[in-house]
């Protein structure tokens, strides 16, 4: 039941991760493996098992630095249970982490560690509030607190590791939600913890003899359906609208052909569209904009080639440029002052540069993307 809930949460709350070639999913294999082995061995932990748990945690972190929930949860559990176990686990983790860091330095060169540690993601408190509201209120994820509360009542200290994992992953998700560019992948550990709590609570409580406890358990299990049922009817109707899917596919293929027919360098927002058209990937809008926001890349690195019309075509998947054009008509303010700010995948001044030096191609046509050509044409 827990596995079904996790699958439901992934598909309904983080659909971008379904079928995605995301290294984070590989990292979760190692961290969740460590959590499961700890649950199996917790009564008979020894130095060898602690080193294995530390190795799995470090491997998960090596794949994706976001995966700190399991290592912290295990460390807290061991600290509560036995400080000697905690020290051995911490020593093993530190030794393995140093070894991996030295190996990374050796293979990646002198700047690789500095590049990893010097990246600063821009934080936005309004984005955090909007994300928490969308997930827990509109998405129905608030009910995921019910099984962990029931588990605390049923198992108490026996569920220390799971309770710690749930709490740490919740805090991690809340904090990461402030980062500009962070998606629902920040909540995957929380979804794992909620699903484990759900399944464990169901397995423990359904065997209870008291009728009131079985009724309470049934209520909690039914409530677990809510995160998957939120907005389900409307989204299901859209998902099975095959005529719409056919129209979108036809528009995409026509856009691929159109982009392939443009001679010269292209700046595009959707990598797959550019790859299918045989274009070179000159600028990653996500990573590049994050580097601009963090101050590691000057905004002029992108805006200056746009102003000089170095790109034969610019392809976006949103109407951000047209929105900026309408704002200019209403306010008369041509440029933005102050530090860089994001508008979708791009900075606002990037969008303004496109607006001022490129024109929308064939505004009336059916499209997958919006093509912008230099105004001199």
Protein backbone atom coordinates (compact mmCIF):
# COMPACT_ATOMS: atom_id res chain seq x y z
CA UNK A 1 0.00 0.00 0.00
CA UNK A 2 2.87 2.35 0.75
CA UNK A 3 4.41 1.66 -2.66
CA UNK A 4 1.10 2.44 -4.36
CA UNK A 5 0.82 5.71 -2.45
CA UNK A 6 4.36 6.72 -3.45
CA UNK A 7 3.59 5.96 -7.10
CA UNK A 8 0.40 7.98 -6.81
CA UNK A 9 2.23 10.93 -5.24
CA UNK A 10 4.92 10.83 -7.91
CA UNK A 11 2.49 10.72 -10.83
CA UNK A 12 0.02 13.28 -9.47
CA UNK A 13 2.28 15.68 -7.55
CA UNK A 14 5.57 15.43 -9.49
CA UNK A 15 4.65 14.26 -13.01
CA UNK A 16 7.81 15.77 -14.51
CA UNK A 17 9.80 12.99 -12.75
CA UNK A 18 7.85 10.20 -14.48
CA UNK A 19 9.96 8.79 -17.26
CA UNK A 20 12.57 11.50 -16.66
CA UNK A 21 16.26 10.76 -17.03
CA UNK A 22 17.01 12.36 -13.67
CA UNK A 23 20.13 11.35 -11.75
CA UNK A 24 18.28 12.09 -8.51
CA UNK A 25 16.20 8.93 -8.93
CA UNK A 26 19.44 6.94 -9.07
CA UNK A 27 20.63 8.66 -5.90
CA UNK A 28 17.41 7.69 -4.13
CA UNK A 29 18.20 4.04 -4.82
CA UNK A 30 21.24 4.24 -2.54
CA UNK A 31 19.71 6.42 0.20
CA UNK A 32 16.50 4.38 0.43
CA UNK A 33 18.56 1.20 0.38
CA UNK A 34 20.43 2.51 3.43
CA UNK A 35 17.15 3.27 5.18
CA UNK A 36 15.78 -0.21 4.49
CA UNK A 37 18.96 -1.95 5.64
CA UNK A 38 18.92 0.08 8.84
CA UNK A 39 15.35 -1.04 9.50
CA UNK A 40 16.45 -4.66 9.01
CA UNK A 41 19.65 -4.44 11.05
CA UNK A 42 18.75 -1.93 13.75
CA UNK A 43 18.75 -4.57 16.48
CA UNK A 44 22.22 -5.86 15.59
CA UNK A 45 24.25 -3.01 14.13
CA UNK A 46 28.00 -3.60 13.98
CA UNK A 47 30.98 -1.67 12.53
CA UNK A 48 30.73 -3.42 9.18
CA UNK A 49 27.02 -2.64 8.76
CA UNK A 50 27.56 0.98 9.83
CA UNK A 51 30.28 1.42 7.21
CA UNK A 52 27.94 -0.02 4.58
CA UNK A 53 25.14 2.34 5.62
CA UNK A 54 27.53 5.28 5.49
CA UNK A 55 28.81 4.20 2.07
CA UNK A 56 25.26 4.03 0.68
CA UNK A 57 24.40 7.45 2.10
CA UNK A 58 27.57 9.01 0.71
CA UNK A 59 26.96 7.44 -2.69
CA UNK A 60 23.47 8.94 -2.77
CA UNK A 61 24.89 12.34 -1.82
CA UNK A 62 27.63 11.98 -4.42
CA UNK A 63 24.95 11.51 -7.08
CA UNK A 64 22.72 14.37 -5.83
CA UNK A 65 23.70 16.77 -3.05
CA UNK A 66 20.01 17.34 -2.22
CA UNK A 67 19.70 13.83 -0.76
CA UNK A 68 20.63 14.69 2.83
CA UNK A 69 17.39 13.56 4.49
CA UNK A 70 18.31 9.88 4.97
CA UNK A 71 21.86 10.50 6.29
CA UNK A 72 20.57 13.09 8.78
CA UNK A 73 17.67 10.86 9.85
CA UNK A 74 19.97 7.87 10.41
CA UNK A 75 22.47 10.01 12.30
CA UNK A 76 19.74 11.37 14.59
CA UNK A 77 18.38 7.87 15.18
CA UNK A 78 21.80 6.48 16.10
CA UNK A 79 22.52 9.48 18.31
CA UNK A 80 19.33 8.81 20.27
CA UNK A 81 19.94 5.08 20.43
CA UNK A 82 23.68 4.86 21.15
CA UNK A 83 26.32 7.57 20.83
CA UNK A 84 29.02 5.04 20.01
CA UNK A 85 27.05 3.89 16.99
CA UNK A 86 26.55 7.53 15.99
CA UNK A 87 30.29 8.24 16.20
CA UNK A 88 31.19 5.17 14.16
CA UNK A 89 28.59 6.07 11.52
CA UNK A 90 29.81 9.67 11.42
CA UNK A 91 33.46 8.64 11.21
CA UNK A 92 32.72 6.22 8.37
CA UNK A 93 30.70 8.84 6.52
CA UNK A 94 33.41 11.47 6.90
CA UNK A 95 36.14 9.10 5.68
CA UNK A 96 34.11 8.00 2.65
CA UNK A 97 33.08 11.58 1.83
CA UNK A 98 36.70 12.77 1.93
CA UNK A 99 37.73 9.88 -0.32
CA UNK A 100 35.00 10.72 -2.84
CA UNK A 101 35.92 14.42 -2.73
CA UNK A 102 39.59 13.67 -3.39
CA UNK A 103 38.66 11.34 -6.23
CA UNK A 104 36.41 14.02 -7.71
CA UNK A 105 39.22 16.55 -7.44
CA UNK A 106 41.66 14.17 -9.11
CA UNK A 107 39.37 13.33 -12.02
CA UNK A 108 37.58 16.67 -12.41
CA UNK A 109 40.49 19.07 -12.12
CA UNK A 110 41.42 21.89 -9.80
CA UNK A 111 38.23 23.93 -10.23
CA UNK A 112 35.59 21.22 -9.84
CA UNK A 113 35.13 21.47 -6.06
CA UNK A 114 35.17 25.27 -6.13
CA UNK A 115 32.46 25.21 -8.79
CA UNK A 116 30.33 22.92 -6.66
CA UNK A 117 30.61 24.95 -3.47
CA UNK A 118 30.45 28.47 -4.91
CA UNK A 119 27.08 28.12 -6.65
CA UNK A 120 24.41 30.15 -4.85
CA UNK A 121 20.75 29.68 -5.74
CA UNK A 122 18.52 32.73 -5.48
CA UNK A 123 15.85 32.41 -2.77
CA UNK A 124 12.28 33.69 -3.06
CA UNK A 125 9.98 33.64 -0.02
CA UNK A 126 6.88 34.26 -2.14
CA UNK A 127 7.66 31.21 -4.23
CA UNK A 128 7.94 29.14 -1.03
CA UNK A 129 4.50 30.26 0.18
CA UNK A 130 2.95 29.55 -3.22
CA UNK A 131 4.55 26.08 -3.39
CA UNK A 132 3.43 25.07 0.11
CA UNK A 133 -0.10 26.25 -0.64
CA UNK A 134 -0.18 24.40 -3.97
CA UNK A 135 1.16 21.15 -2.50
CA UNK A 136 -0.49 20.87 0.89
CA UNK A 137 -3.77 22.74 0.41
CA UNK A 138 -4.65 22.60 -3.27
CA UNK A 139 -2.85 19.29 -3.82
CA UNK A 140 -4.26 17.64 -0.68
CA UNK A 141 -0.86 16.61 0.72
CA UNK A 142 -1.84 17.89 4.18
CA UNK A 143 -3.47 14.50 4.85
CA UNK A 144 -0.03 12.88 4.71
CA UNK A 145 0.47 14.01 8.32
CA UNK A 146 -2.27 11.63 9.47
CA UNK A 147 -0.41 8.31 9.05
CA UNK A 148 2.74 9.64 10.72
CA UNK A 149 0.65 10.84 13.66
CA UNK A 150 -1.04 7.45 13.87
CA UNK A 151 2.32 5.70 13.60
CA UNK A 152 3.66 7.75 16.49
CA UNK A 153 0.73 6.57 18.61
CA UNK A 154 0.94 2.93 17.53
CA UNK A 155 4.73 2.35 17.54
CA UNK A 156 6.24 5.20 19.54
CA UNK A 157 10.05 5.03 19.79
CA UNK A 158 10.15 1.94 17.58
CA UNK A 159 9.52 4.22 14.62
CA UNK A 160 12.27 6.73 15.48
CA UNK A 161 14.11 6.41 12.15
CA UNK A 162 10.93 6.78 10.11
CA UNK A 163 9.73 9.72 12.20
CA UNK A 164 13.12 11.40 11.82
CA UNK A 165 13.11 10.78 8.06
CA UNK A 166 9.61 12.27 7.75
CA UNK A 167 10.52 15.35 9.78
CA UNK A 168 13.86 16.02 8.09
CA UNK A 169 12.46 15.51 4.58
CA UNK A 170 9.56 17.86 5.37
CA UNK A 171 11.93 20.58 6.58
CA UNK A 172 14.19 20.02 3.59
CA UNK A 173 11.29 20.35 1.17
CA UNK A 174 10.03 23.52 2.87
CA UNK A 175 13.50 25.08 2.72
CA UNK A 176 14.28 24.00 -0.84
CA UNK A 177 10.93 25.36 -2.05
CA UNK A 178 12.42 28.86 -1.63
CA UNK A 179 15.05 28.20 -4.29
CA UNK A 180 14.33 29.74 -7.68
CA UNK A 181 14.20 26.96 -10.25
CA UNK A 182 13.51 24.20 -7.72
CA UNK A 183 10.79 21.80 -8.83
CA UNK A 184 8.85 19.04 -7.05
CA UNK A 185 12.00 16.91 -7.02
CA UNK A 186 12.75 18.65 -3.70
CA UNK A 187 9.79 16.76 -2.19
CA UNK A 188 10.65 13.25 -3.37
CA UNK A 189 12.21 12.32 -0.02
CA UNK A 190 9.07 13.59 1.72
CA UNK A 191 6.93 11.46 -0.59
CA UNK A 192 9.09 8.41 0.22
CA UNK A 193 8.76 9.09 3.97
CA UNK A 194 5.00 9.62 3.76
CA UNK A 195 4.53 6.43 1.75
CA UNK A 196 6.66 4.42 4.20
CA UNK A 197 4.68 5.83 7.13
CA UNK A 198 1.42 5.07 5.33
CA UNK A 199 2.35 1.46 4.62
CA UNK A 200 3.85 0.83 8.06
CA UNK A 201 0.84 2.32 9.81
CA UNK A 202 -1.53 0.23 7.71
CA UNK A 203 0.41 -2.96 8.46
CA UNK A 204 0.50 -2.28 12.21
CA UNK A 205 -2.91 -0.81 12.82
CA UNK A 206 -5.02 -3.13 10.68
CA UNK A 207 -4.01 -6.05 12.92
CA UNK A 208 -5.40 -4.27 15.99
CA UNK A 209 -8.30 -5.90 17.76
CA UNK A 210 -10.10 -2.77 18.92
CA UNK A 211 -12.91 -1.77 16.55
CA UNK A 212 -12.29 1.97 17.06
CA UNK A 213 -8.66 1.57 16.06
CA UNK A 214 -9.58 -0.30 12.89
CA UNK A 215 -12.10 2.42 12.03
CA UNK A 216 -9.52 5.13 12.61
CA UNK A 217 -7.07 3.24 10.42
CA UNK A 218 -9.61 2.90 7.64
CA UNK A 219 -10.25 6.64 7.79
CA UNK A 220 -6.56 7.43 7.53
CA UNK A 221 -6.13 5.06 4.58
CA UNK A 222 -9.09 6.57 2.75
CA UNK A 223 -7.69 10.06 3.39
CA UNK A 224 -4.46 8.95 1.71
CA UNK A 225 -6.34 8.90 -1.59
CA UNK A 226 -6.86 12.68 -1.48
CA UNK A 227 -3.43 13.76 -2.86
CA UNK A 228 -4.07 11.60 -5.90
CA UNK A 229 -7.70 12.60 -6.32
CA UNK A 230 -7.15 16.37 -6.26
CA UNK A 231 -8.06 17.84 -9.68
CA UNK A 232 -8.23 14.29 -11.05
CA UNK A 233 -11.47 14.54 -13.12
CA UNK A 234 -10.39 17.68 -14.99
CA UNK A 235 -6.86 16.45 -15.64
CA UNK A 236 -8.05 13.00 -16.70
CA UNK A 237 -10.33 14.53 -19.31
CA UNK A 238 -7.41 16.52 -20.68
CA UNK A 239 -5.07 13.52 -20.62
CA UNK A 240 -7.40 11.32 -22.73
CA UNK A 241 -8.19 14.07 -25.25
CA UNK A 242 -6.35 12.27 -28.04
CA UNK A 243 -7.46 14.75 -30.67
CA UNK A 244 -5.71 17.51 -28.75
CA UNK A 245 -2.58 15.36 -28.40
CA UNK A 246 -2.59 14.77 -32.16
CA UNK A 247 -2.90 18.52 -32.82
CA UNK A 248 -0.03 19.27 -30.42
CA UNK A 249 2.17 16.61 -32.01
CA UNK A 250 1.45 17.99 -35.47
CA UNK A 251 2.29 21.53 -34.30
CA UNK A 252 5.52 20.28 -32.71
CA UNK A 253 6.66 18.48 -35.87
CA UNK A 254 5.92 21.55 -37.98
CA UNK A 255 7.98 23.67 -35.58
CA UNK A 256 10.86 21.19 -35.81
CA UNK A 257 10.75 21.48 -39.60
CA UNK A 258 10.57 25.27 -39.38
CA UNK A 259 13.58 25.48 -37.05
CA UNK A 260 15.54 23.03 -39.19
CA UNK A 261 14.97 25.30 -42.19
CA UNK A 262 16.50 28.38 -40.49
CA UNK A 263 20.17 28.79 -41.39
CA UNK A 264 22.46 29.97 -38.61
CA UNK A 265 22.74 29.70 -34.82
CA UNK A 266 19.57 29.34 -32.75
CA UNK A 267 18.72 30.13 -29.15
CA UNK A 268 15.95 27.82 -27.96
CA UNK A 269 14.18 27.19 -24.68
CA UNK A 270 13.10 23.58 -25.26
CA UNK A 271 16.20 21.38 -25.79
CA UNK A 272 14.31 18.54 -27.48
CA UNK A 273 12.95 20.88 -30.14
CA UNK A 274 16.45 22.13 -30.95
CA UNK A 275 17.98 18.66 -30.92
CA UNK A 276 15.30 17.28 -33.26
CA UNK A 277 15.99 20.20 -35.60
CA UNK A 278 19.73 19.45 -35.58
CA UNK A 279 20.72 22.73 -33.89
CA UNK A 280 23.67 23.24 -31.56
CA UNK A 281 22.78 23.76 -27.89
CA UNK A 282 24.45 27.15 -27.34
CA UNK A 283 22.90 28.21 -24.03
CA UNK A 284 21.05 26.28 -21.32
CA UNK A 285 18.25 28.63 -20.16
CA UNK A 286 17.92 26.97 -16.75
CA UNK A 287 21.58 26.62 -15.74
CA UNK A 288 22.65 29.78 -17.55
CA UNK A 289 19.95 31.94 -15.94
CA UNK A 290 20.78 30.49 -12.53
CA UNK A 291 24.43 31.44 -13.05
CA UNK A 292 23.36 34.97 -14.00
CA UNK A 293 21.12 35.23 -10.94
CA UNK A 294 23.92 34.06 -8.66
CA UNK A 295 26.40 36.54 -10.15
CA UNK A 296 28.70 33.93 -11.65
CA UNK A 297 27.88 34.93 -15.22
CA UNK A 298 27.32 38.52 -16.43
CA UNK A 299 23.86 39.09 -17.89
CA UNK A 300 25.52 40.74 -20.89
CA UNK A 301 26.92 37.31 -21.83
CA UNK A 302 23.46 36.58 -23.26
CA UNK A 303 21.81 39.97 -23.74
CA UNK A 304 24.65 41.42 -25.83
CA UNK A 305 24.53 38.73 -28.57
CA UNK A 306 20.73 39.17 -28.62
CA UNK A 307 21.06 42.94 -29.06
CA UNK A 308 23.57 42.39 -31.84
CA UNK A 309 21.13 39.88 -33.41
CA UNK A 310 23.75 37.13 -33.47
CA UNK A 311 21.04 34.45 -33.38
CA UNK A 312 19.23 33.67 -36.61
CA UNK A 313 16.18 32.65 -34.60
CA UNK A 314 15.09 32.56 -30.95
CA UNK A 315 12.49 29.97 -29.97
CA UNK A 316 10.50 30.22 -26.74
CA UNK A 317 7.64 28.15 -25.36
CA UNK A 318 5.86 30.97 -23.53
CA UNK A 319 4.42 34.39 -24.38
CA UNK A 320 6.79 36.21 -22.03
CA UNK A 321 8.09 38.47 -24.80
CA UNK A 322 4.59 39.49 -25.90
CA UNK A 323 3.63 40.12 -22.28
CA UNK A 324 6.69 42.38 -21.97
CA UNK A 325 5.69 44.14 -25.20
CA UNK A 326 2.21 44.89 -23.83
CA UNK A 327 3.72 46.13 -20.58
CA UNK A 328 5.93 48.50 -22.57
CA UNK A 329 2.91 49.86 -24.42
CA UNK A 330 1.04 50.51 -21.16
CA UNK A 331 3.88 51.89 -19.03
CA UNK A 332 6.35 53.24 -21.55
CA UNK A 333 9.19 51.85 -19.41
CA UNK A 334 11.61 50.14 -21.78
CA UNK A 335 14.14 48.57 -19.40
CA UNK A 336 14.35 47.05 -15.91
CA UNK A 337 16.66 48.39 -13.25
CA UNK A 338 18.30 46.60 -10.35
CA UNK A 339 19.60 43.05 -10.05
CA UNK A 340 18.54 40.31 -12.50
CA UNK A 341 15.10 38.81 -12.01
CA UNK A 342 13.66 35.68 -13.54
CA UNK A 343 10.69 35.59 -15.92
CA UNK A 344 10.08 31.90 -16.47
CA UNK A 345 13.38 30.37 -17.62
CA UNK A 346 15.00 33.67 -18.60
CA UNK A 347 15.98 36.88 -16.87
CA UNK A 348 13.72 39.88 -17.42
CA UNK A 349 16.39 41.83 -19.31
CA UNK A 350 16.90 38.86 -21.63
CA UNK A 351 13.18 38.93 -22.46
CA UNK A 352 13.35 42.71 -22.96
CA UNK A 353 16.33 42.32 -25.31
CA UNK A 354 14.39 39.82 -27.41
CA UNK A 355 11.39 42.17 -27.41
CA UNK A 356 13.45 45.11 -28.65
CA UNK A 357 15.51 43.34 -31.33
CA UNK A 358 13.37 40.43 -32.56
CA UNK A 359 9.86 40.11 -33.98
CA UNK A 360 7.35 37.28 -33.60
CA UNK A 361 7.10 35.17 -36.73
CA UNK A 362 3.57 34.62 -38.11
CA UNK A 363 1.54 35.42 -34.96
CA UNK A 364 -1.63 33.79 -36.32
CA UNK A 365 -0.27 30.31 -37.01
CA UNK A 366 -0.90 27.24 -34.84
CA UNK A 367 2.26 26.56 -32.90
CA UNK A 368 4.08 24.50 -30.31
CA UNK A 369 6.63 27.29 -29.77
CA UNK A 370 7.06 30.99 -30.53
CA UNK A 371 9.66 31.85 -33.16
CA UNK A 372 11.38 35.24 -33.09
CA UNK A 373 13.40 36.54 -36.05
CA UNK A 374 15.77 39.54 -36.08
CA UNK A 375 13.90 42.75 -36.83
CA UNK A 376 16.27 43.59 -39.72
CA UNK A 377 14.61 40.77 -41.66
